[in-house]
Amino acid sequence: MTVYLDSAATTRVDPRVAEVVLYWMTTEFGNAGSRTHDWGTRAKRAVQEAREQLAGQLNAGPSELIFTSGATESNNIALLGLAPHGESQGRRHVISSAIEHKAVLEPLEQLATRGFEIELISPGPSGRVSVEAVRERLRDDTLLVSLMHVNNETGVIQPVAELAEHLRGTPTYLHVDAAQGFGKLTDDLKAPIDMISVSGHKIGAPKGVGTLLMRRRGRDTIPLTPLMYGGGQERKLRPGTLPVPLIVGLAKAAEIFETEHEQWWSQAATIRARLVDALSKAKVHFNGDQDHVIPHILNLSFDGVDAEALIVQLKELVAVSTGSACTSASYTPSHVLRGMGLPDEVAHNGLRLSWVPDQVEDLDVDEVVSEILEFQAGASYLA
């Protein structure tokens, strides 16, 4: 049986979450916007309870959190929604990093077409952007810093909490894409970060639901302009009928992660240690600062081995992914690994392993490593 090692891409919906979601799809199916009957009242109450729980986990108030379809939409609302304020204030400088997810980089490209100056920091081989590197680039016209919490390819943790403490005393806003960090390192996100994007399907919730937290500065709200119109839902920033089953499912998944966090972290770290120890028998590079990394993501490159070919070789044992973005005609080196300044050979052949601890009991590390060693030896012979 193939073992799933691609949880950074998505996770299986936790059965406990699925049970709750199904209940709110088939039994309590009311529209949270319906105010003339009990079905609507119960749905509205369920959404409010979910909002209170999720905001509370981030040390915020329920009115500071809206529901979205996921981190990509949240990122777009945060980045593009802040643009009119920047334009009106003459503040068009934005700082981010070269290793951000495309859900941040592509909205930033759109801002550049509107006259914004986008400055991307390259973190170097560690894959970790320093607070000092951001501080050195701050200017009077810096509107925003957008920095991810945990890199989706390398698992390297960024110093967002420390950065938030510094920026809170400035007029510059901080946005954090926390798709990979929420639930796993939630304490970091309790820092005074202005905007936080969350995606449910990274923590065992269904696909299609997430949140955007917009933390007030005193009495001042984040001056965002909506990207869509058509209703007053979600503080008029995200119109449309609320997906009550998905929202309740997200809250349930977050509750489970919070309750079982210590066990999750310990088990994930144990699996990582086993993998690192066994894989070290091969000629391998572990990509990113291994002292500042989430325990369930491991990025590595094997000497003389094409990652795409290795994935095919391993497909009967494990389901893994490469950091390369590919089409049917060509392969492109990982922009994350290239943004770290790693050679093209390494960037092209980055392999990402990521796991949910209680879903990899059948993982035979020795068998996987034996297959890799045999493949690497064959590649070396053919070279």
Protein backbone atom coordinates (compact mmCIF):
# COMPACT_ATOMS: atom_id res chain seq x y z
CA MET A 1 0.00 0.00 0.00
CA THR A 2 1.35 3.40 -1.00
CA VAL A 3 1.95 5.71 1.99
CA TYR A 4 0.83 9.32 1.57
CA LEU A 5 3.72 11.75 2.19
CA ASP A 6 2.28 14.89 0.64
CA SER A 7 0.32 16.46 3.48
CA ALA A 8 1.82 19.90 2.80
CA ALA A 9 -0.27 19.82 -0.39
CA THR A 10 -3.43 18.69 1.37
CA THR A 11 -4.59 16.40 4.16
CA ARG A 12 -7.30 13.80 4.50
CA VAL A 13 -10.38 15.20 6.21
CA ASP A 14 -10.33 13.96 9.79
CA PRO A 15 -13.24 11.49 10.24
CA ARG A 16 -14.39 13.47 13.29
CA VAL A 17 -14.52 16.58 11.11
CA ALA A 18 -16.31 14.75 8.31
CA GLU A 19 -19.00 13.65 10.75
CA VAL A 20 -19.66 17.25 11.81
CA VAL A 21 -19.61 18.51 8.22
CA LEU A 22 -22.10 15.86 7.10
CA TYR A 23 -24.44 16.73 9.96
CA TRP A 24 -24.50 20.38 8.95
CA MET A 25 -25.02 19.39 5.32
CA THR A 26 -27.90 16.97 5.80
CA THR A 27 -29.61 17.68 9.11
CA GLU A 28 -28.88 21.30 10.01
CA PHE A 29 -28.81 22.63 6.44
CA GLY A 30 -30.06 26.15 7.13
CA ASN A 31 -28.70 29.37 5.63
CA ALA A 32 -26.98 31.53 8.24
CA GLY A 33 -28.52 34.56 6.54
CA SER A 34 -32.10 33.33 7.01
CA ARG A 35 -33.67 35.11 9.99
CA THR A 36 -37.27 33.96 9.86
CA HIS A 37 -36.96 30.39 11.15
CA ASP A 38 -34.98 28.17 13.49
CA TRP A 39 -32.84 26.53 10.79
CA GLY A 40 -31.34 29.90 9.94
CA THR A 41 -30.96 30.84 13.60
CA ARG A 42 -29.09 27.65 14.41
CA ALA A 43 -26.83 28.03 11.38
CA LYS A 44 -26.01 31.63 12.32
CA ARG A 45 -25.23 30.54 15.89
CA ALA A 46 -22.93 27.77 14.64
CA VAL A 47 -21.01 30.23 12.46
CA GLN A 48 -20.66 32.68 15.34
CA GLU A 49 -19.38 29.97 17.68
CA ALA A 50 -16.84 28.89 15.06
CA ARG A 51 -15.76 32.48 14.56
CA GLU A 52 -15.30 33.00 18.30
CA GLN A 53 -13.28 29.80 18.66
CA LEU A 54 -10.95 30.44 15.72
CA ALA A 55 -10.38 34.09 16.59
CA GLY A 56 -9.74 33.13 20.19
CA GLN A 57 -7.03 30.68 19.13
CA LEU A 58 -5.29 33.66 17.50
CA ASN A 59 -5.77 35.92 20.52
CA ALA A 60 -8.23 38.10 18.65
CA GLY A 61 -11.89 39.05 18.78
CA PRO A 62 -14.57 37.42 16.59
CA SER A 63 -15.26 40.67 14.74
CA GLU A 64 -11.65 40.60 13.49
CA LEU A 65 -12.07 37.35 11.54
CA ILE A 66 -13.88 36.65 8.29
CA PHE A 67 -14.42 33.36 6.48
CA THR A 68 -13.07 32.83 2.97
CA SER A 69 -12.56 29.93 0.56
CA GLY A 70 -8.97 29.46 1.75
CA ALA A 71 -5.58 31.12 2.10
CA THR A 72 -5.35 32.09 -1.58
CA GLU A 73 -8.50 34.19 -1.38
CA SER A 74 -7.45 35.58 2.00
CA ASN A 75 -4.08 36.61 0.56
CA ASN A 76 -5.77 38.37 -2.34
CA ILE A 77 -8.17 40.26 -0.09
CA ALA A 78 -5.29 41.33 2.17
CA LEU A 79 -2.83 42.38 -0.54
CA LEU A 80 -5.09 43.77 -3.22
CA GLY A 81 -7.63 45.08 -0.73
CA LEU A 82 -5.01 47.27 0.95
CA ALA A 83 -3.85 48.78 -2.34
CA PRO A 84 -6.40 51.64 -2.55
CA HIS A 85 -5.34 52.80 0.92
CA GLY A 86 -1.69 52.75 -0.14
CA GLU A 87 -2.49 54.69 -3.29
CA SER A 88 -4.44 57.33 -1.37
CA GLN A 89 -1.60 57.74 1.13
CA GLY A 90 1.22 57.73 -1.40
CA ARG A 91 2.67 54.57 0.15
CA ARG A 92 3.40 52.12 -2.63
CA HIS A 93 6.40 50.20 -1.31
CA VAL A 94 5.81 46.55 -0.39
CA ILE A 95 8.35 44.14 1.08
CA SER A 96 8.03 40.39 0.68
CA SER A 97 10.32 37.44 -0.04
CA ALA A 98 11.39 35.43 -3.06
CA ILE A 99 10.19 32.21 -1.40
CA GLU A 100 6.53 33.11 -0.96
CA HIS A 101 3.74 30.93 -2.32
CA LYS A 102 2.39 31.93 -5.73
CA ALA A 103 -0.81 32.94 -3.93
CA VAL A 104 1.22 35.91 -2.63
CA LEU A 105 3.69 36.46 -5.45
CA GLU A 106 1.06 36.71 -8.17
CA PRO A 107 -1.11 39.30 -6.35
CA LEU A 108 2.11 41.25 -5.77
CA GLU A 109 2.75 41.13 -9.52
CA GLN A 110 -0.68 42.68 -9.99
CA LEU A 111 0.24 45.45 -7.57
CA ALA A 112 3.39 46.11 -9.58
CA THR A 113 1.26 46.78 -12.67
CA ARG A 114 -0.50 49.47 -10.63
CA GLY A 115 2.71 51.31 -9.82
CA PHE A 116 3.66 49.62 -6.56
CA GLU A 117 7.33 48.90 -5.91
CA ILE A 118 7.69 45.28 -4.83
CA GLU A 119 10.93 44.39 -3.06
CA LEU A 120 11.57 40.66 -2.66
CA ILE A 121 14.15 39.53 -0.12
CA SER A 122 16.27 36.47 -0.97
CA PRO A 123 16.90 34.63 2.30
CA GLY A 124 20.00 32.70 1.25
CA PRO A 125 20.56 28.94 1.65
CA SER A 126 18.96 28.89 5.11
CA GLY A 127 15.59 29.74 3.59
CA ARG A 128 14.90 31.96 6.60
CA VAL A 129 14.33 35.70 6.15
CA SER A 130 15.90 37.69 8.98
CA VAL A 131 14.04 40.44 10.79
CA GLU A 132 17.07 42.67 10.22
CA ALA A 133 16.81 42.15 6.46
CA VAL A 134 13.25 43.47 6.60
CA ARG A 135 14.11 46.36 8.91
CA GLU A 136 16.92 47.50 6.61
CA ARG A 137 14.43 47.87 3.77
CA LEU A 138 11.70 49.77 5.62
CA ARG A 139 10.99 53.24 4.25
CA ASP A 140 8.58 56.04 5.01
CA ASP A 141 6.42 54.87 2.10
CA THR A 142 6.44 51.17 3.01
CA LEU A 143 2.79 50.16 3.11
CA LEU A 144 3.10 46.48 3.83
CA VAL A 145 5.36 43.55 4.65
CA SER A 146 4.05 40.14 3.56
CA LEU A 147 5.96 37.16 4.90
CA MET A 148 4.81 33.55 5.12
CA HIS A 149 4.80 31.75 8.46
CA VAL A 150 6.14 28.36 7.34
CA ASN A 151 7.49 27.72 3.86
CA ASN A 152 5.38 25.17 2.03
CA GLU A 153 8.35 23.52 0.28
CA THR A 154 11.13 23.53 2.88
CA GLY A 155 9.16 23.77 6.12
CA VAL A 156 11.45 26.57 7.32
CA ILE A 157 9.80 28.76 9.97
CA GLN A 158 9.97 32.52 9.45
CA PRO A 159 10.35 34.94 12.41
CA VAL A 160 6.90 36.48 12.00
CA ALA A 161 6.23 36.98 15.72
CA GLU A 162 9.45 38.93 16.23
CA LEU A 163 8.78 40.96 13.10
CA ALA A 164 5.26 41.77 14.27
CA GLU A 165 6.55 43.25 17.53
CA HIS A 166 8.80 45.60 15.57
CA LEU A 167 6.27 46.67 12.94
CA ARG A 168 3.44 47.27 15.39
CA GLY A 169 5.00 50.62 16.34
CA THR A 170 5.21 51.73 12.69
CA PRO A 171 2.60 52.62 10.07
CA THR A 172 3.63 49.55 8.04
CA TYR A 173 1.19 46.65 8.09
CA LEU A 174 2.24 42.99 8.37
CA HIS A 175 0.48 40.22 6.48
CA VAL A 176 1.31 36.56 7.16
CA ASP A 177 0.31 33.63 4.98
CA ALA A 178 -0.14 31.00 7.70
CA ALA A 179 -1.46 28.20 5.51
CA GLN A 180 1.27 25.82 6.70
CA GLY A 181 1.69 27.14 10.24
CA PHE A 182 -1.81 27.51 11.67
CA GLY A 183 -2.54 24.69 14.08
CA LYS A 184 1.08 23.61 14.22
CA LEU A 185 2.68 26.84 15.50
CA THR A 186 -0.38 28.85 16.45
CA ASP A 187 1.39 30.57 19.37
CA ASP A 188 3.50 32.52 16.84
CA LEU A 189 0.28 33.87 15.36
CA LYS A 190 -0.88 35.35 18.66
CA ALA A 191 1.71 38.08 18.16
CA PRO A 192 0.35 41.46 16.95
CA ILE A 193 0.27 40.48 13.28
CA ASP A 194 -2.13 42.72 11.35
CA MET A 195 -3.46 40.16 8.85
CA ILE A 196 -3.27 36.35 8.89
CA SER A 197 -4.41 33.99 6.12
CA VAL A 198 -5.49 30.45 7.05
CA SER A 199 -6.47 27.44 4.94
CA GLY A 200 -8.53 24.59 6.37
CA HIS A 201 -7.41 21.67 4.23
CA LYS A 202 -3.88 21.73 5.66
CA ILE A 203 -5.19 20.63 9.08
CA GLY A 204 -7.78 17.99 8.27
CA ALA A 205 -10.66 20.32 7.40
CA PRO A 206 -12.41 20.26 4.02
CA LYS A 207 -11.06 22.05 0.99
CA GLY A 208 -12.75 25.33 0.19
CA VAL A 209 -12.71 27.09 3.55
CA GLY A 210 -10.29 29.40 5.32
CA THR A 211 -10.11 32.65 7.20
CA LEU A 212 -8.57 36.08 7.11
CA LEU A 213 -7.81 37.66 10.47
CA MET A 214 -7.65 41.48 10.45
CA ARG A 215 -6.34 42.59 13.81
CA ARG A 216 -7.26 46.08 14.94
CA ARG A 217 -4.62 48.60 15.94
CA GLY A 218 -6.31 50.12 18.94
CA ARG A 219 -9.67 51.23 17.59
CA ASP A 220 -8.46 51.36 14.00
CA THR A 221 -9.48 48.60 11.62
CA ILE A 222 -7.36 47.53 8.65
CA PRO A 223 -8.45 49.79 5.74
CA LEU A 224 -9.32 47.09 3.20
CA THR A 225 -11.42 47.58 0.08
CA PRO A 226 -13.53 44.59 -1.02
CA LEU A 227 -12.63 42.77 -4.22
CA MET A 228 -16.16 41.47 -4.77
CA TYR A 229 -19.65 42.88 -4.27
CA GLY A 230 -23.06 41.35 -3.88
CA GLY A 231 -24.11 41.20 -0.23
CA GLY A 232 -23.20 42.38 3.22
CA GLN A 233 -21.70 39.14 4.50
CA GLU A 234 -18.33 39.03 6.25
CA ARG A 235 -18.02 42.74 6.99
CA LYS A 236 -18.82 43.46 3.32
CA LEU A 237 -15.38 42.13 2.40
CA ARG A 238 -16.42 38.66 1.23
CA PRO A 239 -20.02 38.55 -0.03
CA GLY A 240 -21.90 35.32 -0.61
CA THR A 241 -23.80 32.64 1.28
CA LEU A 242 -21.67 31.29 4.10
CA PRO A 243 -20.71 27.59 3.73
CA VAL A 244 -21.87 26.62 7.20
CA PRO A 245 -20.77 22.93 7.02
CA LEU A 246 -17.25 23.91 5.93
CA ILE A 247 -16.96 26.63 8.57
CA VAL A 248 -18.05 24.29 11.35
CA GLY A 249 -15.65 21.69 9.97
CA LEU A 250 -12.75 24.14 10.05
CA ALA A 251 -13.51 25.00 13.66
CA LYS A 252 -13.67 21.31 14.58
CA ALA A 253 -10.34 20.59 12.87
CA ALA A 254 -8.69 23.52 14.63
CA GLU A 255 -10.10 22.34 17.96
CA ILE A 256 -8.68 18.85 17.39
CA PHE A 257 -5.27 20.24 16.46
CA GLU A 258 -5.22 22.42 19.55
CA THR A 259 -6.19 19.53 21.83
CA GLU A 260 -3.77 17.02 20.30
CA HIS A 261 -0.97 19.41 19.42
CA GLU A 262 1.68 18.10 21.80
CA GLN A 263 1.16 14.53 20.62
CA TRP A 264 1.14 15.60 16.95
CA TRP A 265 4.40 17.54 17.31
CA SER A 266 6.19 14.74 19.15
CA GLN A 267 5.13 12.07 16.67
CA ALA A 268 5.94 14.23 13.65
CA ALA A 269 9.41 14.97 15.05
CA THR A 270 10.04 11.26 15.70
CA ILE A 271 9.17 10.38 12.10
CA ARG A 272 11.41 13.18 10.86
CA ALA A 273 14.35 11.94 12.92
CA ARG A 274 13.89 8.42 11.53
CA LEU A 275 13.79 9.71 7.96
CA VAL A 276 16.82 11.99 8.35
CA ASP A 277 18.86 9.24 9.97
CA ALA A 278 18.01 6.68 7.29
CA LEU A 279 18.25 9.06 4.32
CA SER A 280 21.68 10.25 5.47
CA LYS A 281 23.03 6.96 4.10
CA ALA A 282 22.51 8.39 0.62
CA LYS A 283 24.32 11.30 -1.02
CA VAL A 284 21.78 13.90 -0.05
CA HIS A 285 21.35 17.60 0.80
CA PHE A 286 18.70 18.65 3.30
CA ASN A 287 17.45 22.00 2.06
CA GLY A 288 16.83 24.87 4.47
CA ASP A 289 17.81 25.68 8.05
CA GLN A 290 17.20 22.42 9.89
CA ASP A 291 17.26 24.22 13.25
CA HIS A 292 14.22 26.32 12.32
CA VAL A 293 11.89 23.90 10.61
CA ILE A 294 8.41 22.48 11.15
CA PRO A 295 8.67 18.78 12.09
CA HIS A 296 6.41 17.35 9.37
CA ILE A 297 8.05 18.77 6.21
CA LEU A 298 11.41 17.60 4.86
CA ASN A 299 12.95 18.96 1.65
CA LEU A 300 15.97 17.23 0.16
CA SER A 301 17.94 16.77 -3.05
CA PHE A 302 19.90 13.66 -3.99
CA ASP A 303 23.20 13.95 -5.84
CA GLY A 304 22.95 12.86 -9.45
CA VAL A 305 19.27 11.91 -9.22
CA ASP A 306 16.41 13.42 -11.19
CA ALA A 307 13.59 14.02 -8.72
CA GLU A 308 10.81 13.40 -11.24
CA ALA A 309 12.31 10.04 -12.16
CA LEU A 310 12.75 9.14 -8.50
CA ILE A 311 9.10 9.94 -7.78
CA VAL A 312 8.07 7.48 -10.48
CA GLN A 313 10.44 4.89 -9.01
CA LEU A 314 8.93 5.31 -5.54
CA LYS A 315 5.26 5.58 -6.53
CA GLU A 316 4.37 2.09 -5.31
CA LEU A 317 5.86 2.86 -1.87
CA VAL A 318 5.19 6.52 -1.14
CA ALA A 319 3.32 9.48 -2.62
CA VAL A 320 5.66 12.48 -2.54
CA SER A 321 6.04 15.71 -4.49
CA THR A 322 8.76 17.76 -6.09
CA GLY A 323 9.11 21.47 -5.53
CA SER A 324 9.30 21.96 -9.29
CA ALA A 325 6.37 23.51 -11.11
CA CYS A 326 5.91 21.49 -14.29
CA THR A 327 3.91 21.31 -17.46
CA SER A 328 3.63 18.40 -19.82
CA ALA A 329 6.38 19.88 -21.98
CA SER A 330 8.94 21.26 -19.56
CA TYR A 331 10.14 21.37 -15.98
CA THR A 332 10.97 24.52 -14.06
CA PRO A 333 13.26 24.56 -11.01
CA SER A 334 11.56 25.37 -7.72
CA HIS A 335 11.29 29.14 -7.32
CA VAL A 336 11.67 28.62 -3.56
CA LEU A 337 14.98 26.77 -3.81
CA ARG A 338 16.20 29.19 -6.48
CA GLY A 339 15.12 32.08 -4.27
CA MET A 340 17.41 30.61 -1.61
CA GLY A 341 20.30 30.87 -4.05
CA LEU A 342 20.71 27.10 -4.43
CA PRO A 343 22.21 25.77 -7.67
CA ASP A 344 19.79 24.85 -10.47
CA GLU A 345 20.68 21.18 -10.10
CA VAL A 346 19.51 21.27 -6.49
CA ALA A 347 16.52 23.52 -7.18
CA HIS A 348 15.36 21.32 -10.06
CA ASN A 349 15.61 18.16 -7.98
CA GLY A 350 14.15 19.21 -4.66
CA LEU A 351 11.95 16.48 -3.20
CA ARG A 352 9.40 17.23 -0.48
CA LEU A 353 8.22 14.69 2.06
CA SER A 354 5.40 15.77 4.37
CA TRP A 355 3.18 13.73 6.66
CA VAL A 356 0.37 13.50 9.17
CA PRO A 357 1.87 11.40 11.99
CA ASP A 358 -1.04 9.04 12.63
CA GLN A 359 -1.49 8.31 8.91
CA VAL A 360 1.96 6.88 8.15
CA GLU A 361 2.02 3.80 10.37
CA ASP A 362 2.67 1.66 7.29
CA LEU A 363 5.74 3.65 6.26
CA ASP A 364 8.75 1.32 5.87
CA VAL A 365 11.60 3.82 6.02
CA ASP A 366 14.26 1.18 5.40
CA GLU A 367 12.52 -0.06 2.26
CA VAL A 368 12.15 3.48 0.89
CA VAL A 369 15.81 4.30 1.57
CA SER A 370 16.94 1.00 0.05
CA GLU A 371 15.02 1.86 -3.13
CA ILE A 372 16.58 5.33 -3.22
CA LEU A 373 20.11 3.98 -2.72
CA GLU A 374 19.62 1.45 -5.50
CA PHE A 375 18.23 4.13 -7.81
CA GLN A 376 21.04 6.53 -6.96
CA ALA A 377 23.66 3.86 -7.59
CA GLY A 378 22.11 3.11 -10.98
CA ALA A 379 22.02 6.81 -11.88
CA SER A 380 25.68 7.14 -10.88
CA TYR A 381 26.62 4.11 -13.02
CA LEU A 382 24.77 5.47 -16.07
CA ALA A 383 26.42 8.87 -15.62
